Amino acid sequence: GNSAVEEAIYLTRYARKVYLIHRRDLFR
């Protein structure tokens, strides 16, 4: 969802790599 994707983007400020894991083939 929006929270997960937004926070993945936010974490790029700190993390070297961010894996965004989702059980479906398309994001909500």
mmCIF file of all heavy atoms, coordinates in Angstrom:
data_MODEL
# 
_entry.id   MODEL 
# 
loop_
_atom_site.group_PDB 
_atom_site.id 
_atom_site.type_symbol 
_atom_site.label_atom_id 
_atom_site.label_alt_id 
_atom_site.label_comp_id 
_atom_site.label_asym_id 
_atom_site.label_entity_id 
_atom_site.label_seq_id 
_atom_site.pdbx_PDB_ins_code 
_atom_site.Cartn_x 
_atom_site.Cartn_y 
_atom_site.Cartn_z 
_atom_site.occupancy 
_atom_site.B_iso_or_equiv 
_atom_site.pdbx_formal_charge 
_atom_site.auth_seq_id 
_atom_site.auth_comp_id 
_atom_site.auth_asym_id 
_atom_site.auth_atom_id 
_atom_site.pdbx_PDB_model_num 
ATOM 1   N N   . GLY A 1 1  ? 0.809  -1.214  0.000   1.00 0.00 ? 1  GLY A N   1 
ATOM 2   C CA  . GLY A 1 1  ? 0.000  0.000   0.000   1.00 0.00 ? 1  GLY A CA  1 
ATOM 3   C C   . GLY A 1 1  ? 0.839  1.259   0.000   1.00 0.00 ? 1  GLY A C   1 
ATOM 4   O O   . GLY A 1 1  ? 2.079  1.217   -0.081  1.00 0.00 ? 1  GLY A O   1 
ATOM 5   N N   . ASN A 1 2  ? 0.169  2.397   0.115   1.00 0.00 ? 2  ASN A N   1 
ATOM 6   C CA  . ASN A 1 2  ? 0.868  3.682   0.096   1.00 0.00 ? 2  ASN A CA  1 
ATOM 7   C C   . ASN A 1 2  ? 1.914  3.788   1.189   1.00 0.00 ? 2  ASN A C   1 
ATOM 8   O O   . ASN A 1 2  ? 3.019  4.283   0.959   1.00 0.00 ? 2  ASN A O   1 
ATOM 9   C CB  . ASN A 1 2  ? -0.143 4.822   0.235   1.00 0.00 ? 2  ASN A CB  1 
ATOM 10  C CG  . ASN A 1 2  ? -0.876 5.112   -1.058  1.00 0.00 ? 2  ASN A CG  1 
ATOM 11  O OD1 . ASN A 1 2  ? -0.486 4.643   -2.123  1.00 0.00 ? 2  ASN A OD1 1 
ATOM 12  N ND2 . ASN A 1 2  ? -1.947 5.880   -0.970  1.00 0.00 ? 2  ASN A ND2 1 
ATOM 13  N N   . SER A 1 3  ? 1.568  3.341   2.415   1.00 0.00 ? 3  SER A N   1 
ATOM 14  C CA  . SER A 1 3  ? 2.509  3.464   3.538   1.00 0.00 ? 3  SER A CA  1 
ATOM 15  C C   . SER A 1 3  ? 3.788  2.716   3.255   1.00 0.00 ? 3  SER A C   1 
ATOM 16  O O   . SER A 1 3  ? 4.892  3.225   3.475   1.00 0.00 ? 3  SER A O   1 
ATOM 17  C CB  . SER A 1 3  ? 1.866  2.959   4.824   1.00 0.00 ? 3  SER A CB  1 
ATOM 18  O OG  . SER A 1 3  ? 0.800  3.780   5.223   1.00 0.00 ? 3  SER A OG  1 
ATOM 19  N N   . ALA A 1 4  ? 3.660  1.479   2.775   1.00 0.00 ? 4  ALA A N   1 
ATOM 20  C CA  . ALA A 1 4  ? 4.845  0.663   2.513   1.00 0.00 ? 4  ALA A CA  1 
ATOM 21  C C   . ALA A 1 4  ? 5.729  1.298   1.446   1.00 0.00 ? 4  ALA A C   1 
ATOM 22  O O   . ALA A 1 4  ? 6.960  1.390   1.604   1.00 0.00 ? 4  ALA A O   1 
ATOM 23  C CB  . ALA A 1 4  ? 4.425  -0.743  2.093   1.00 0.00 ? 4  ALA A CB  1 
ATOM 24  N N   . VAL A 1 5  ? 5.110  1.740   0.358   1.00 0.00 ? 5  VAL A N   1 
ATOM 25  C CA  . VAL A 1 5  ? 5.900  2.308   -0.741  1.00 0.00 ? 5  VAL A CA  1 
ATOM 26  C C   . VAL A 1 5  ? 6.518  3.639   -0.334  1.00 0.00 ? 5  VAL A C   1 
ATOM 27  O O   . VAL A 1 5  ? 7.691  3.919   -0.630  1.00 0.00 ? 5  VAL A O   1 
ATOM 28  C CB  . VAL A 1 5  ? 5.021  2.462   -1.998  1.00 0.00 ? 5  VAL A CB  1 
ATOM 29  C CG1 . VAL A 1 5  ? 5.815  3.122   -3.127  1.00 0.00 ? 5  VAL A CG1 1 
ATOM 30  C CG2 . VAL A 1 5  ? 4.513  1.090   -2.457  1.00 0.00 ? 5  VAL A CG2 1 
ATOM 31  N N   . GLU A 1 6  ? 5.753  4.477   0.358   1.00 0.00 ? 6  GLU A N   1 
ATOM 32  C CA  . GLU A 1 6  ? 6.284  5.754   0.821   1.00 0.00 ? 6  GLU A CA  1 
ATOM 33  C C   . GLU A 1 6  ? 7.468  5.550   1.768   1.00 0.00 ? 6  GLU A C   1 
ATOM 34  O O   . GLU A 1 6  ? 8.487  6.249   1.671   1.00 0.00 ? 6  GLU A O   1 
ATOM 35  C CB  . GLU A 1 6  ? 5.192  6.544   1.548   1.00 0.00 ? 6  GLU A CB  1 
ATOM 36  C CG  . GLU A 1 6  ? 4.160  7.150   0.628   1.00 0.00 ? 6  GLU A CG  1 
ATOM 37  C CD  . GLU A 1 6  ? 2.995  7.764   1.386   1.00 0.00 ? 6  GLU A CD  1 
ATOM 38  O OE1 . GLU A 1 6  ? 2.844  7.465   2.587   1.00 0.00 ? 6  GLU A OE1 1 
ATOM 39  O OE2 . GLU A 1 6  ? 2.245  8.534   0.784   1.00 0.00 ? 6  GLU A OE2 1 
ATOM 40  N N   . GLU A 1 7  ? 7.346  4.584   2.660   1.00 0.00 ? 7  GLU A N   1 
ATOM 41  C CA  . GLU A 1 7  ? 8.424  4.361   3.626   1.00 0.00 ? 7  GLU A CA  1 
ATOM 42  C C   . GLU A 1 7  ? 9.632  3.715   2.971   1.00 0.00 ? 7  GLU A C   1 
ATOM 43  O O   . GLU A 1 7  ? 10.771 3.935   3.408   1.00 0.00 ? 7  GLU A O   1 
ATOM 44  C CB  . GLU A 1 7  ? 7.919  3.515   4.797   1.00 0.00 ? 7  GLU A CB  1 
ATOM 45  C CG  . GLU A 1 7  ? 6.790  4.163   5.595   1.00 0.00 ? 7  GLU A CG  1 
ATOM 46  C CD  . GLU A 1 7  ? 7.085  5.615   5.938   1.00 0.00 ? 7  GLU A CD  1 
ATOM 47  O OE1 . GLU A 1 7  ? 7.998  5.868   6.742   1.00 0.00 ? 7  GLU A OE1 1 
ATOM 48  O OE2 . GLU A 1 7  ? 6.394  6.501   5.401   1.00 0.00 ? 7  GLU A OE2 1 
ATOM 49  N N   . ALA A 1 8  ? 9.427  2.915   1.942   1.00 0.00 ? 8  ALA A N   1 
ATOM 50  C CA  . ALA A 1 8  ? 10.570 2.375   1.201   1.00 0.00 ? 8  ALA A CA  1 
ATOM 51  C C   . ALA A 1 8  ? 11.363 3.515   0.570   1.00 0.00 ? 8  ALA A C   1 
ATOM 52  O O   . ALA A 1 8  ? 12.608 3.527   0.612   1.00 0.00 ? 8  ALA A O   1 
ATOM 53  C CB  . ALA A 1 8  ? 10.083 1.405   0.128   1.00 0.00 ? 8  ALA A CB  1 
ATOM 54  N N   . ILE A 1 9  ? 10.655 4.478   -0.009  1.00 0.00 ? 9  ILE A N   1 
ATOM 55  C CA  . ILE A 1 9  ? 11.324 5.644   -0.587  1.00 0.00 ? 9  ILE A CA  1 
ATOM 56  C C   . ILE A 1 9  ? 12.045 6.430   0.504   1.00 0.00 ? 9  ILE A C   1 
ATOM 57  O O   . ILE A 1 9  ? 13.197 6.857   0.329   1.00 0.00 ? 9  ILE A O   1 
ATOM 58  C CB  . ILE A 1 9  ? 10.312 6.530   -1.337  1.00 0.00 ? 9  ILE A CB  1 
ATOM 59  C CG1 . ILE A 1 9  ? 9.718  5.778   -2.535  1.00 0.00 ? 9  ILE A CG1 1 
ATOM 60  C CG2 . ILE A 1 9  ? 10.970 7.833   -1.789  1.00 0.00 ? 9  ILE A CG2 1 
ATOM 61  C CD1 . ILE A 1 9  ? 8.536  6.474   -3.186  1.00 0.00 ? 9  ILE A CD1 1 
ATOM 62  N N   . TYR A 1 10 ? 11.380 6.618   1.636   1.00 0.00 ? 10 TYR A N   1 
ATOM 63  C CA  . TYR A 1 10 ? 11.988 7.343   2.750   1.00 0.00 ? 10 TYR A CA  1 
ATOM 64  C C   . TYR A 1 10 ? 13.279 6.663   3.213   1.00 0.00 ? 10 TYR A C   1 
ATOM 65  O O   . TYR A 1 10 ? 14.285 7.330   3.502   1.00 0.00 ? 10 TYR A O   1 
ATOM 66  C CB  . TYR A 1 10 ? 10.996 7.430   3.913   1.00 0.00 ? 10 TYR A CB  1 
ATOM 67  C CG  . TYR A 1 10 ? 11.568 8.028   5.175   1.00 0.00 ? 10 TYR A CG  1 
ATOM 68  C CD1 . TYR A 1 10 ? 11.646 9.407   5.339   1.00 0.00 ? 10 TYR A CD1 1 
ATOM 69  C CD2 . TYR A 1 10 ? 12.038 7.212   6.200   1.00 0.00 ? 10 TYR A CD2 1 
ATOM 70  C CE1 . TYR A 1 10 ? 12.176 9.958   6.491   1.00 0.00 ? 10 TYR A CE1 1 
ATOM 71  C CE2 . TYR A 1 10 ? 12.575 7.754   7.359   1.00 0.00 ? 10 TYR A CE2 1 
ATOM 72  C CZ  . TYR A 1 10 ? 12.641 9.123   7.498   1.00 0.00 ? 10 TYR A CZ  1 
ATOM 73  O OH  . TYR A 1 10 ? 13.179 9.662   8.638   1.00 0.00 ? 10 TYR A OH  1 
ATOM 74  N N   . LEU A 1 11 ? 13.278 5.344   3.287   1.00 0.00 ? 11 LEU A N   1 
ATOM 75  C CA  . LEU A 1 11 ? 14.435 4.609   3.803   1.00 0.00 ? 11 LEU A CA  1 
ATOM 76  C C   . LEU A 1 11 ? 15.661 4.709   2.904   1.00 0.00 ? 11 LEU A C   1 
ATOM 77  O O   . LEU A 1 11 ? 16.779 4.443   3.355   1.00 0.00 ? 11 LEU A O   1 
ATOM 78  C CB  . LEU A 1 11 ? 14.061 3.136   4.012   1.00 0.00 ? 11 LEU A CB  1 
ATOM 79  C CG  . LEU A 1 11 ? 13.204 2.858   5.249   1.00 0.00 ? 11 LEU A CG  1 
ATOM 80  C CD1 . LEU A 1 11 ? 12.614 1.463   5.193   1.00 0.00 ? 11 LEU A CD1 1 
ATOM 81  C CD2 . LEU A 1 11 ? 14.033 3.031   6.523   1.00 0.00 ? 11 LEU A CD2 1 
ATOM 82  N N   . THR A 1 12 ? 15.479 5.103   1.648   1.00 0.00 ? 12 THR A N   1 
ATOM 83  C CA  . THR A 1 12 ? 16.646 5.260   0.776   1.00 0.00 ? 12 THR A CA  1 
ATOM 84  C C   . THR A 1 12 ? 17.554 6.389   1.245   1.00 0.00 ? 12 THR A C   1 
ATOM 85  O O   . THR A 1 12 ? 18.705 6.481   0.806   1.00 0.00 ? 12 THR A O   1 
ATOM 86  C CB  . THR A 1 12 ? 16.216 5.521   -0.686  1.00 0.00 ? 12 THR A CB  1 
ATOM 87  O OG1 . THR A 1 12 ? 15.427 6.715   -0.750  1.00 0.00 ? 12 THR A OG1 1 
ATOM 88  C CG2 . THR A 1 12 ? 15.408 4.353   -1.227  1.00 0.00 ? 12 THR A CG2 1 
ATOM 89  N N   . ARG A 1 13 ? 17.063 7.227   2.141   1.00 0.00 ? 13 ARG A N   1 
ATOM 90  C CA  . ARG A 1 13 ? 17.922 8.270   2.712   1.00 0.00 ? 13 ARG A CA  1 
ATOM 91  C C   . ARG A 1 13 ? 19.026 7.668   3.566   1.00 0.00 ? 13 ARG A C   1 
ATOM 92  O O   . ARG A 1 13 ? 20.064 8.290   3.785   1.00 0.00 ? 13 ARG A O   1 
ATOM 93  C CB  . ARG A 1 13 ? 17.093 9.216   3.584   1.00 0.00 ? 13 ARG A CB  1 
ATOM 94  C CG  . ARG A 1 13 ? 15.928 9.885   2.891   1.00 0.00 ? 13 ARG A CG  1 
ATOM 95  C CD  . ARG A 1 13 ? 15.196 10.787  3.859   1.00 0.00 ? 13 ARG A CD  1 
ATOM 96  N NE  . ARG A 1 13 ? 13.976 11.343  3.291   1.00 0.00 ? 13 ARG A NE  1 
ATOM 97  C CZ  . ARG A 1 13 ? 13.204 12.229  3.909   1.00 0.00 ? 13 ARG A CZ  1 
ATOM 98  N NH1 . ARG A 1 13 ? 13.535 12.659  5.120   1.00 0.00 ? 13 ARG A NH1 1 
ATOM 99  N NH2 . ARG A 1 13 ? 12.110 12.673  3.330   1.00 0.00 ? 13 ARG A NH2 1 
ATOM 100 N N   . TYR A 1 14 ? 18.775 6.477   4.068   1.00 0.00 ? 14 TYR A N   1 
ATOM 101 C CA  . TYR A 1 14 ? 19.708 5.862   5.013   1.00 0.00 ? 14 TYR A CA  1 
ATOM 102 C C   . TYR A 1 14 ? 20.269 4.538   4.494   1.00 0.00 ? 14 TYR A C   1 
ATOM 103 O O   . TYR A 1 14 ? 21.478 4.323   4.533   1.00 0.00 ? 14 TYR A O   1 
ATOM 104 C CB  . TYR A 1 14 ? 19.009 5.601   6.350   1.00 0.00 ? 14 TYR A CB  1 
ATOM 105 C CG  . TYR A 1 14 ? 18.337 6.822   6.934   1.00 0.00 ? 14 TYR A CG  1 
ATOM 106 C CD1 . TYR A 1 14 ? 16.955 6.976   6.886   1.00 0.00 ? 14 TYR A CD1 1 
ATOM 107 C CD2 . TYR A 1 14 ? 19.096 7.837   7.520   1.00 0.00 ? 14 TYR A CD2 1 
ATOM 108 C CE1 . TYR A 1 14 ? 16.337 8.099   7.418   1.00 0.00 ? 14 TYR A CE1 1 
ATOM 109 C CE2 . TYR A 1 14 ? 18.492 8.964   8.055   1.00 0.00 ? 14 TYR A CE2 1 
ATOM 110 C CZ  . TYR A 1 14 ? 17.111 9.083   7.998   1.00 0.00 ? 14 TYR A CZ  1 
ATOM 111 O OH  . TYR A 1 14 ? 16.512 10.204  8.531   1.00 0.00 ? 14 TYR A OH  1 
ATOM 112 N N   . ALA A 1 15 ? 19.407 3.673   4.046   1.00 0.00 ? 15 ALA A N   1 
ATOM 113 C CA  . ALA A 1 15 ? 19.820 2.321   3.684   1.00 0.00 ? 15 ALA A CA  1 
ATOM 114 C C   . ALA A 1 15 ? 20.557 2.291   2.349   1.00 0.00 ? 15 ALA A C   1 
ATOM 115 O O   . ALA A 1 15 ? 20.311 3.106   1.458   1.00 0.00 ? 15 ALA A O   1 
ATOM 116 C CB  . ALA A 1 15 ? 18.605 1.399   3.628   1.00 0.00 ? 15 ALA A CB  1 
ATOM 117 N N   . ARG A 1 16 ? 21.432 1.314   2.226   1.00 0.00 ? 16 ARG A N   1 
ATOM 118 C CA  . ARG A 1 16 ? 22.129 1.109   0.965   1.00 0.00 ? 16 ARG A CA  1 
ATOM 119 C C   . ARG A 1 16 ? 21.201 0.474   -0.072  1.00 0.00 ? 16 ARG A C   1 
ATOM 120 O O   . ARG A 1 16 ? 21.187 0.861   -1.237  1.00 0.00 ? 16 ARG A O   1 
ATOM 121 C CB  . ARG A 1 16 ? 23.339 0.203   1.197   1.00 0.00 ? 16 ARG A CB  1 
ATOM 122 C CG  . ARG A 1 16 ? 24.138 -0.107  -0.050  1.00 0.00 ? 16 ARG A CG  1 
ATOM 123 C CD  . ARG A 1 16 ? 25.336 -0.968  0.278   1.00 0.00 ? 16 ARG A CD  1 
ATOM 124 N NE  . ARG A 1 16 ? 24.922 -2.232  0.916   1.00 0.00 ? 16 ARG A NE  1 
ATOM 125 C CZ  . ARG A 1 16 ? 25.766 -3.141  1.389   1.00 0.00 ? 16 ARG A CZ  1 
ATOM 126 N NH1 . ARG A 1 16 ? 27.076 -2.916  1.334   1.00 0.00 ? 16 ARG A NH1 1 
ATOM 127 N NH2 . ARG A 1 16 ? 25.321 -4.249  1.932   1.00 0.00 ? 16 ARG A NH2 1 
ATOM 128 N N   . LYS A 1 17 ? 20.382 -0.489  0.397   1.00 0.00 ? 17 LYS A N   1 
ATOM 129 C CA  . LYS A 1 17 ? 19.462 -1.207  -0.479  1.00 0.00 ? 17 LYS A CA  1 
ATOM 130 C C   . LYS A 1 17 ? 18.153 -1.431  0.262   1.00 0.00 ? 17 LYS A C   1 
ATOM 131 O O   . LYS A 1 17 ? 18.146 -1.769  1.445   1.00 0.00 ? 17 LYS A O   1 
ATOM 132 C CB  . LYS A 1 17 ? 20.056 -2.557  -0.876  1.00 0.00 ? 17 LYS A CB  1 
ATOM 133 C CG  . LYS A 1 17 ? 19.290 -3.298  -1.952  1.00 0.00 ? 17 LYS A CG  1 
ATOM 134 C CD  . LYS A 1 17 ? 19.634 -2.758  -3.331  1.00 0.00 ? 17 LYS A CD  1 
ATOM 135 C CE  . LYS A 1 17 ? 19.043 -3.608  -4.428  1.00 0.00 ? 17 LYS A CE  1 
ATOM 136 N NZ  . LYS A 1 17 ? 19.385 -3.066  -5.772  1.00 0.00 ? 17 LYS A NZ  1 
ATOM 137 N N   . VAL A 1 18 ? 17.038 -1.231  -0.430  1.00 0.00 ? 18 VAL A N   1 
ATOM 138 C CA  . VAL A 1 18 ? 15.714 -1.450  0.157   1.00 0.00 ? 18 VAL A CA  1 
ATOM 139 C C   . VAL A 1 18 ? 14.954 -2.444  -0.710  1.00 0.00 ? 18 VAL A C   1 
ATOM 140 O O   . VAL A 1 18 ? 14.658 -2.157  -1.878  1.00 0.00 ? 18 VAL A O   1 
ATOM 141 C CB  . VAL A 1 18 ? 14.908 -0.140  0.262   1.00 0.00 ? 18 VAL A CB  1 
ATOM 142 C CG1 . VAL A 1 18 ? 13.536 -0.418  0.873   1.00 0.00 ? 18 VAL A CG1 1 
ATOM 143 C CG2 . VAL A 1 18 ? 15.663 0.904   1.085   1.00 0.00 ? 18 VAL A CG2 1 
ATOM 144 N N   . TYR A 1 19 ? 14.669 -3.603  -0.139  1.00 0.00 ? 19 TYR A N   1 
ATOM 145 C CA  . TYR A 1 19 ? 13.852 -4.599  -0.828  1.00 0.00 ? 19 TYR A CA  1 
ATOM 146 C C   . TYR A 1 19 ? 12.385 -4.345  -0.468  1.00 0.00 ? 19 TYR A C   1 
ATOM 147 O O   . TYR A 1 19 ? 12.034 -4.301  0.712   1.00 0.00 ? 19 TYR A O   1 
ATOM 148 C CB  . TYR A 1 19 ? 14.253 -6.015  -0.426  1.00 0.00 ? 19 TYR A CB  1 
ATOM 149 C CG  . TYR A 1 19 ? 15.662 -6.387  -0.819  1.00 0.00 ? 19 TYR A CG  1 
ATOM 150 C CD1 . TYR A 1 19 ? 16.704 -6.273  0.098   1.00 0.00 ? 19 TYR A CD1 1 
ATOM 151 C CD2 . TYR A 1 19 ? 15.948 -6.838  -2.102  1.00 0.00 ? 19 TYR A CD2 1 
ATOM 152 C CE1 . TYR A 1 19 ? 18.007 -6.608  -0.256  1.00 0.00 ? 19 TYR A CE1 1 
ATOM 153 C CE2 . TYR A 1 19 ? 17.250 -7.172  -2.465  1.00 0.00 ? 19 TYR A CE2 1 
ATOM 154 C CZ  . TYR A 1 19 ? 18.275 -7.055  -1.541  1.00 0.00 ? 19 TYR A CZ  1 
ATOM 155 O OH  . TYR A 1 19 ? 19.558 -7.392  -1.900  1.00 0.00 ? 19 TYR A OH  1 
ATOM 156 N N   . LEU A 1 20 ? 11.542 -4.203  -1.468  1.00 0.00 ? 20 LEU A N   1 
ATOM 157 C CA  . LEU A 1 20 ? 10.125 -3.938  -1.259  1.00 0.00 ? 20 LEU A CA  1 
ATOM 158 C C   . LEU A 1 20 ? 9.351  -5.215  -1.581  1.00 0.00 ? 20 LEU A C   1 
ATOM 159 O O   . LEU A 1 20 ? 9.179  -5.591  -2.746  1.00 0.00 ? 20 LEU A O   1 
ATOM 160 C CB  . LEU A 1 20 ? 9.673  -2.777  -2.142  1.00 0.00 ? 20 LEU A CB  1 
ATOM 161 C CG  . LEU A 1 20 ? 8.247  -2.270  -1.984  1.00 0.00 ? 20 LEU A CG  1 
ATOM 162 C CD1 . LEU A 1 20 ? 7.931  -1.938  -0.524  1.00 0.00 ? 20 LEU A CD1 1 
ATOM 163 C CD2 . LEU A 1 20 ? 8.034  -1.045  -2.858  1.00 0.00 ? 20 LEU A CD2 1 
ATOM 164 N N   . ILE A 1 21 ? 8.900  -5.891  -0.527  1.00 0.00 ? 21 ILE A N   1 
ATOM 165 C CA  . ILE A 1 21 ? 8.308  -7.224  -0.650  1.00 0.00 ? 21 ILE A CA  1 
ATOM 166 C C   . ILE A 1 21 ? 6.790  -7.124  -0.620  1.00 0.00 ? 21 ILE A C   1 
ATOM 167 O O   . ILE A 1 21 ? 6.209  -6.568  0.311   1.00 0.00 ? 21 ILE A O   1 
ATOM 168 C CB  . ILE A 1 21 ? 8.796  -8.139  0.488   1.00 0.00 ? 21 ILE A CB  1 
ATOM 169 C CG1 . ILE A 1 21 ? 10.330 -8.226  0.479   1.00 0.00 ? 21 ILE A CG1 1 
ATOM 170 C CG2 . ILE A 1 21 ? 8.178  -9.530  0.385   1.00 0.00 ? 21 ILE A CG2 1 
ATOM 171 C CD1 . ILE A 1 21 ? 10.907 -8.844  1.738   1.00 0.00 ? 21 ILE A CD1 1 
ATOM 172 N N   . HIS A 1 22 ? 6.151  -7.711  -1.636  1.00 0.00 ? 22 HIS A N   1 
ATOM 173 C CA  . HIS A 1 22 ? 4.678  -7.668  -1.720  1.00 0.00 ? 22 HIS A CA  1 
ATOM 174 C C   . HIS A 1 22 ? 4.172  -9.009  -2.243  1.00 0.00 ? 22 HIS A C   1 
ATOM 175 O O   . HIS A 1 22 ? 4.757  -9.584  -3.168  1.00 0.00 ? 22 HIS A O   1 
ATOM 176 C CB  . HIS A 1 22 ? 4.239  -6.539  -2.649  1.00 0.00 ? 22 HIS A CB  1 
ATOM 177 C CG  . HIS A 1 22 ? 2.759  -6.368  -2.737  1.00 0.00 ? 22 HIS A CG  1 
ATOM 178 N ND1 . HIS A 1 22 ? 1.930  -6.424  -1.643  1.00 0.00 ? 22 HIS A ND1 1 
ATOM 179 C CD2 . HIS A 1 22 ? 1.944  -6.145  -3.815  1.00 0.00 ? 22 HIS A CD2 1 
ATOM 180 C CE1 . HIS A 1 22 ? 0.683  -6.231  -2.023  1.00 0.00 ? 22 HIS A CE1 1 
ATOM 181 N NE2 . HIS A 1 22 ? 0.666  -6.059  -3.337  1.00 0.00 ? 22 HIS A NE2 1 
ATOM 182 N N   . ARG A 1 23 ? 3.091  -9.487  -1.654  1.00 0.00 ? 23 ARG A N   1 
ATOM 183 C CA  . ARG A 1 23 ? 2.598  -10.826 -1.999  1.00 0.00 ? 23 ARG A CA  1 
ATOM 184 C C   . ARG A 1 23 ? 1.913  -10.889 -3.366  1.00 0.00 ? 23 ARG A C   1 
ATOM 185 O O   . ARG A 1 23 ? 1.726  -11.966 -3.910  1.00 0.00 ? 23 ARG A O   1 
ATOM 186 C CB  . ARG A 1 23 ? 1.642  -11.330 -0.921  1.00 0.00 ? 23 ARG A CB  1 
ATOM 187 C CG  . ARG A 1 23 ? 0.339  -10.572 -0.804  1.00 0.00 ? 23 ARG A CG  1 
ATOM 188 C CD  . ARG A 1 23 ? -0.573 -11.197 0.246   1.00 0.00 ? 23 ARG A CD  1 
ATOM 189 N NE  . ARG A 1 23 ? -0.842 -12.579 -0.039  1.00 0.00 ? 23 ARG A NE  1 
ATOM 190 C CZ  . ARG A 1 23 ? -0.523 -13.604 0.752   1.00 0.00 ? 23 ARG A CZ  1 
ATOM 191 N NH1 . ARG A 1 23 ? 0.078  -13.389 1.906   1.00 0.00 ? 23 ARG A NH1 1 
ATOM 192 N NH2 . ARG A 1 23 ? -0.808 -14.839 0.411   1.00 0.00 ? 23 ARG A NH2 1 
ATOM 193 N N   . ARG A 1 24 ? 1.545  -9.777  -3.926  1.00 0.00 ? 24 ARG A N   1 
ATOM 194 C CA  . ARG A 1 24 ? 0.880  -9.777  -5.232  1.00 0.00 ? 24 ARG A CA  1 
ATOM 195 C C   . ARG A 1 24 ? 1.836  -9.314  -6.325  1.00 0.00 ? 24 ARG A C   1 
ATOM 196 O O   . ARG A 1 24 ? 2.949  -8.875  -6.043  1.00 0.00 ? 24 ARG A O   1 
ATOM 197 C CB  . ARG A 1 24 ? -0.368 -8.893  -5.178  1.00 0.00 ? 24 ARG A CB  1 
ATOM 198 C CG  . ARG A 1 24 ? -1.407 -9.410  -4.198  1.00 0.00 ? 24 ARG A CG  1 
ATOM 199 C CD  . ARG A 1 24 ? -2.664 -8.549  -4.219  1.00 0.00 ? 24 ARG A CD  1 
ATOM 200 N NE  . ARG A 1 24 ? -3.699 -9.112  -3.356  1.00 0.00 ? 24 ARG A NE  1 
ATOM 201 C CZ  . ARG A 1 24 ? -3.787 -8.895  -2.040  1.00 0.00 ? 24 ARG A CZ  1 
ATOM 202 N NH1 . ARG A 1 24 ? -2.899 -8.107  -1.446  1.00 0.00 ? 24 ARG A NH1 1 
ATOM 203 N NH2 . ARG A 1 24 ? -4.741 -9.448  -1.322  1.00 0.00 ? 24 ARG A NH2 1 
ATOM 204 N N   . ASP A 1 25 ? 1.348  -9.383  -7.568  1.00 0.00 ? 25 ASP A N   1 
ATOM 205 C CA  . ASP A 1 25 ? 2.218  -8.988  -8.686  1.00 0.00 ? 25 ASP A CA  1 
ATOM 206 C C   . ASP A 1 25 ? 2.098  -7.513  -9.019  1.00 0.00 ? 25 ASP A C   1 
ATOM 207 O O   . ASP A 1 25 ? 2.826  -6.998  -9.862  1.00 0.00 ? 25 ASP A O   1 
ATOM 208 C CB  . ASP A 1 25 ? 1.923  -9.834  -9.929  1.00 0.00 ? 25 ASP A CB  1 
ATOM 209 C CG  . ASP A 1 25 ? 0.487  -9.697  -10.408 1.00 0.00 ? 25 ASP A CG  1 
ATOM 210 O OD1 . ASP A 1 25 ? -0.334 -9.115  -9.668  1.00 0.00 ? 25 ASP A OD1 1 
ATOM 211 O OD2 . ASP A 1 25 ? 0.179  -10.167 -11.528 1.00 0.00 ? 25 ASP A OD2 1 
ATOM 212 N N   . LEU A 1 26 ? 1.147  -6.834  -8.360  1.00 0.00 ? 26 LEU A N   1 
ATOM 213 C CA  . LEU A 1 26 ? 0.974  -5.397  -8.546  1.00 0.00 ? 26 LEU A CA  1 
ATOM 214 C C   . LEU A 1 26 ? 0.816  -4.740  -7.182  1.00 0.00 ? 26 LEU A C   1 
ATOM 215 O O   . LEU A 1 26 ? 0.195  -5.309  -6.276  1.00 0.00 ? 26 LEU A O   1 
ATOM 216 C CB  . LEU A 1 26 ? -0.269 -5.098  -9.394  1.00 0.00 ? 26 LEU A CB  1 
ATOM 217 C CG  . LEU A 1 26 ? -0.233 -5.532  -10.864 1.00 0.00 ? 26 LEU A CG  1 
ATOM 218 C CD1 . LEU A 1 26 ? -1.601 -5.308  -11.494 1.00 0.00 ? 26 LEU A CD1 1 
ATOM 219 C CD2 . LEU A 1 26 ? 0.847  -4.787  -11.635 1.00 0.00 ? 26 LEU A CD2 1 
ATOM 220 N N   . PHE A 1 27 ? 1.361  -3.542  -7.022  1.00 0.00 ? 27 PHE A N   1 
ATOM 221 C CA  . PHE A 1 27 ? 1.223  -2.798  -5.773  1.00 0.00 ? 27 PHE A CA  1 
ATOM 222 C C   . PHE A 1 27 ? -0.148 -2.135  -5.709  1.00 0.00 ? 27 PHE A C   1 
ATOM 223 O O   . PHE A 1 27 ? -0.711 -1.732  -6.732  1.00 0.00 ? 27 PHE A O   1 
ATOM 224 C CB  . PHE A 1 27 ? 2.321  -1.739  -5.653  1.00 0.00 ? 27 PHE A CB  1 
ATOM 225 C CG  . PHE A 1 27 ? 3.683  -2.305  -5.452  1.00 0.00 ? 27 PHE A CG  1 
ATOM 226 C CD1 . PHE A 1 27 ? 4.585  -2.384  -6.510  1.00 0.00 ? 27 PHE A CD1 1 
ATOM 227 C CD2 . PHE A 1 27 ? 4.077  -2.773  -4.205  1.00 0.00 ? 27 PHE A CD2 1 
ATOM 228 C CE1 . PHE A 1 27 ? 5.849  -2.908  -6.328  1.00 0.00 ? 27 PHE A CE1 1 
ATOM 229 C CE2 . PHE A 1 27 ? 5.349  -3.292  -4.010  1.00 0.00 ? 27 PHE A CE2 1 
ATOM 230 C CZ  . PHE A 1 27 ? 6.231  -3.376  -5.071  1.00 0.00 ? 27 PHE A CZ  1 
ATOM 231 N N   . ARG A 1 28 ? -0.680 -2.004  -4.495  1.00 0.00 ? 28 ARG A N   1 
ATOM 232 C CA  . ARG A 1 28 ? -1.950 -1.326  -4.281  1.00 0.00 ? 28 ARG A CA  1 
ATOM 233 C C   . ARG A 1 28 ? -1.781 0.186   -4.156  1.00 0.00 ? 28 ARG A C   1 
ATOM 234 O O   . ARG A 1 28 ? -2.748 0.934   -4.196  1.00 0.00 ? 28 ARG A O   1 
ATOM 235 C CB  . ARG A 1 28 ? -2.619 -1.863  -3.007  1.00 0.00 ? 28 ARG A CB  1 
ATOM 236 C CG  . ARG A 1 28 ? -3.069 -3.299  -3.103  1.00 0.00 ? 28 ARG A CG  1 
ATOM 237 C CD  . ARG A 1 28 ? -3.684 -3.776  -1.800  1.00 0.00 ? 28 ARG A CD  1 
ATOM 238 N NE  . ARG A 1 28 ? -2.678 -3.968  -0.763  1.00 0.00 ? 28 ARG A NE  1 
ATOM 239 C CZ  . ARG A 1 28 ? -2.475 -3.174  0.273   1.00 0.00 ? 28 ARG A CZ  1 
ATOM 240 N NH1 . ARG A 1 28 ? -3.200 -2.085  0.418   1.00 0.00 ? 28 ARG A NH1 1 
ATOM 241 N NH2 . ARG A 1 28 ? -1.550 -3.443  1.172   1.00 0.00 ? 28 ARG A NH2 1 
# 
